[in-house]
Amino acid sequence: MFCFLLVFGAVFAEFRTLTKKEGETFTIEFPSNPTTGYIWKFNEPQSNEEPILKLLDEKYEPNFKQPTHGPKLAGGGGIHRFVFQTEKRGTMDLEFVHARPWEHTNPIPEVVRVVVE
């Protein structure tokens, strides 16, 4: 999946490449536990060009089901899913960050390169 390298206090993330067909729908998933305050965010590309894909949906899904009776469970992890659909041929780098919204830091983005054939 992702490989992290810690060198002299800096974190570098390797990006992965996905190859998709025009009109295809696909999902990118990250492990998540929003009870820690950290959430995944997709950085929408800022460009005047027509994008080669669009974000259809994003949501967090816990790894467990809440009990039907009794107190609700908190603190469990899950998966944050981003669903995209390709629009046209080309290459696009998608950037995702894992951060606490109230902290003003510049987290290293996770980059997923999508090649649409």
Protein backbone atom coordinates (compact mmCIF):
# COMPACT_ATOMS: atom_id res chain seq x y z
CA MET A 1 0.00 0.00 0.00
CA PHE A 2 1.91 3.03 1.26
CA CYS A 3 5.52 2.98 2.36
CA PHE A 4 6.84 5.58 4.77
CA LEU A 5 10.49 6.46 5.27
CA LEU A 6 11.68 8.50 8.23
CA VAL A 7 14.95 10.29 7.45
CA PHE A 8 16.31 13.02 9.70
CA GLY A 9 12.84 13.92 10.97
CA ALA A 10 11.19 14.18 7.54
CA VAL A 11 8.45 11.87 6.35
CA PHE A 12 8.23 10.89 2.68
CA ALA A 13 5.28 8.97 1.25
CA GLU A 14 5.55 6.80 -1.83
CA PHE A 15 2.63 7.23 -4.14
CA ARG A 16 0.82 4.44 -5.88
CA THR A 17 -0.47 4.39 -9.44
CA LEU A 18 -3.88 3.12 -10.53
CA THR A 19 -4.78 2.46 -14.16
CA LYS A 20 -8.49 2.79 -15.00
CA LYS A 21 -10.69 2.86 -18.07
CA GLU A 22 -12.77 5.81 -19.22
CA GLY A 23 -16.17 5.82 -17.43
CA GLU A 24 -15.00 3.45 -14.68
CA THR A 25 -15.99 3.92 -11.02
CA PHE A 26 -13.39 3.07 -8.38
CA THR A 27 -12.76 3.45 -4.64
CA ILE A 28 -9.69 4.57 -2.69
CA GLU A 29 -9.67 3.50 0.97
CA PHE A 30 -7.67 4.57 4.01
CA PRO A 31 -7.72 3.16 7.55
CA SER A 32 -9.25 5.75 9.86
CA ASN A 33 -10.29 6.42 13.44
CA PRO A 34 -11.99 9.83 13.63
CA THR A 35 -12.36 9.60 17.42
CA THR A 36 -8.66 10.58 17.56
CA GLY A 37 -9.52 13.86 15.82
CA TYR A 38 -7.70 12.86 12.64
CA ILE A 39 -9.77 12.77 9.47
CA TRP A 40 -8.97 12.12 5.82
CA LYS A 41 -9.52 14.98 3.39
CA PHE A 42 -9.31 14.97 -0.41
CA ASN A 43 -7.52 18.06 -1.74
CA GLU A 44 -9.49 19.00 -4.85
CA PRO A 45 -7.09 19.97 -7.66
CA GLN A 46 -7.10 23.68 -8.50
CA SER A 47 -7.03 23.88 -12.27
CA ASN A 48 -8.83 25.59 -15.13
CA GLU A 49 -8.70 22.37 -17.13
CA GLU A 50 -11.61 19.96 -17.23
CA PRO A 51 -10.83 17.20 -14.70
CA ILE A 52 -10.32 13.65 -15.91
CA LEU A 53 -12.32 12.29 -12.96
CA LYS A 54 -14.80 13.41 -10.35
CA LEU A 55 -15.45 12.58 -6.71
CA LEU A 56 -18.84 10.88 -6.40
CA ASP A 57 -18.93 10.10 -2.67
CA GLU A 58 -16.85 9.95 0.47
CA LYS A 59 -17.71 8.42 3.81
CA TYR A 60 -16.34 6.81 6.94
CA GLU A 61 -17.50 3.30 7.79
CA PRO A 62 -16.67 1.78 11.20
CA ASN A 63 -15.27 -1.76 11.39
CA PHE A 64 -17.98 -2.70 13.87
CA LYS A 65 -21.75 -2.44 14.15
CA GLN A 66 -23.33 -0.48 16.98
CA PRO A 67 -25.40 -2.61 19.38
CA THR A 68 -29.15 -2.27 18.92
CA HIS A 69 -29.64 -1.99 22.70
CA GLY A 70 -27.49 -0.42 25.40
CA PRO A 71 -24.76 2.20 25.14
CA LYS A 72 -23.16 3.11 21.85
CA LEU A 73 -19.54 2.09 21.28
CA ALA A 74 -16.86 4.75 20.73
CA GLY A 75 -13.20 4.65 19.82
CA GLY A 76 -13.19 1.94 17.19
CA GLY A 77 -11.47 2.34 13.86
CA GLY A 78 -12.81 1.88 10.38
CA ILE A 79 -12.31 2.78 6.74
CA HIS A 80 -12.63 6.14 5.00
CA ARG A 81 -13.73 5.57 1.40
CA PHE A 82 -13.50 7.97 -1.54
CA VAL A 83 -15.47 6.95 -4.65
CA PHE A 84 -14.46 8.44 -8.02
CA GLN A 85 -15.60 8.11 -11.62
CA THR A 86 -13.31 8.66 -14.57
CA GLU A 87 -14.49 11.19 -17.15
CA LYS A 88 -11.87 11.20 -19.89
CA ARG A 89 -8.36 9.96 -20.74
CA GLY A 90 -5.35 11.43 -19.03
CA THR A 91 -3.30 11.37 -15.83
CA MET A 92 -4.19 13.02 -12.54
CA ASP A 93 -2.53 13.03 -9.11
CA LEU A 94 -5.00 12.84 -6.23
CA GLU A 95 -3.83 14.22 -2.88
CA PHE A 96 -5.25 13.09 0.45
CA VAL A 97 -4.21 14.40 3.87
CA HIS A 98 -4.72 12.86 7.31
CA ALA A 99 -4.93 15.66 9.86
CA ARG A 100 -6.86 17.28 12.68
CA PRO A 101 -8.89 20.17 11.19
CA TRP A 102 -8.13 22.55 14.08
CA GLU A 103 -4.36 22.10 13.88
CA HIS A 104 -2.58 24.40 11.46
CA THR A 105 0.03 22.02 10.13
CA ASN A 106 1.13 21.01 6.65
CA PRO A 107 0.83 17.23 6.65
CA ILE A 108 2.61 15.24 3.95
CA PRO A 109 -0.09 14.24 1.43
CA GLU A 110 -0.74 10.70 0.32
CA VAL A 111 -0.65 10.82 -3.47
CA VAL A 112 -2.50 8.44 -5.77
CA ARG A 113 -1.74 8.83 -9.48
CA VAL A 114 -4.66 7.79 -11.69
CA VAL A 115 -4.01 7.00 -15.33
CA VAL A 116 -7.19 6.82 -17.43
CA GLU A 117 -6.84 4.91 -20.71
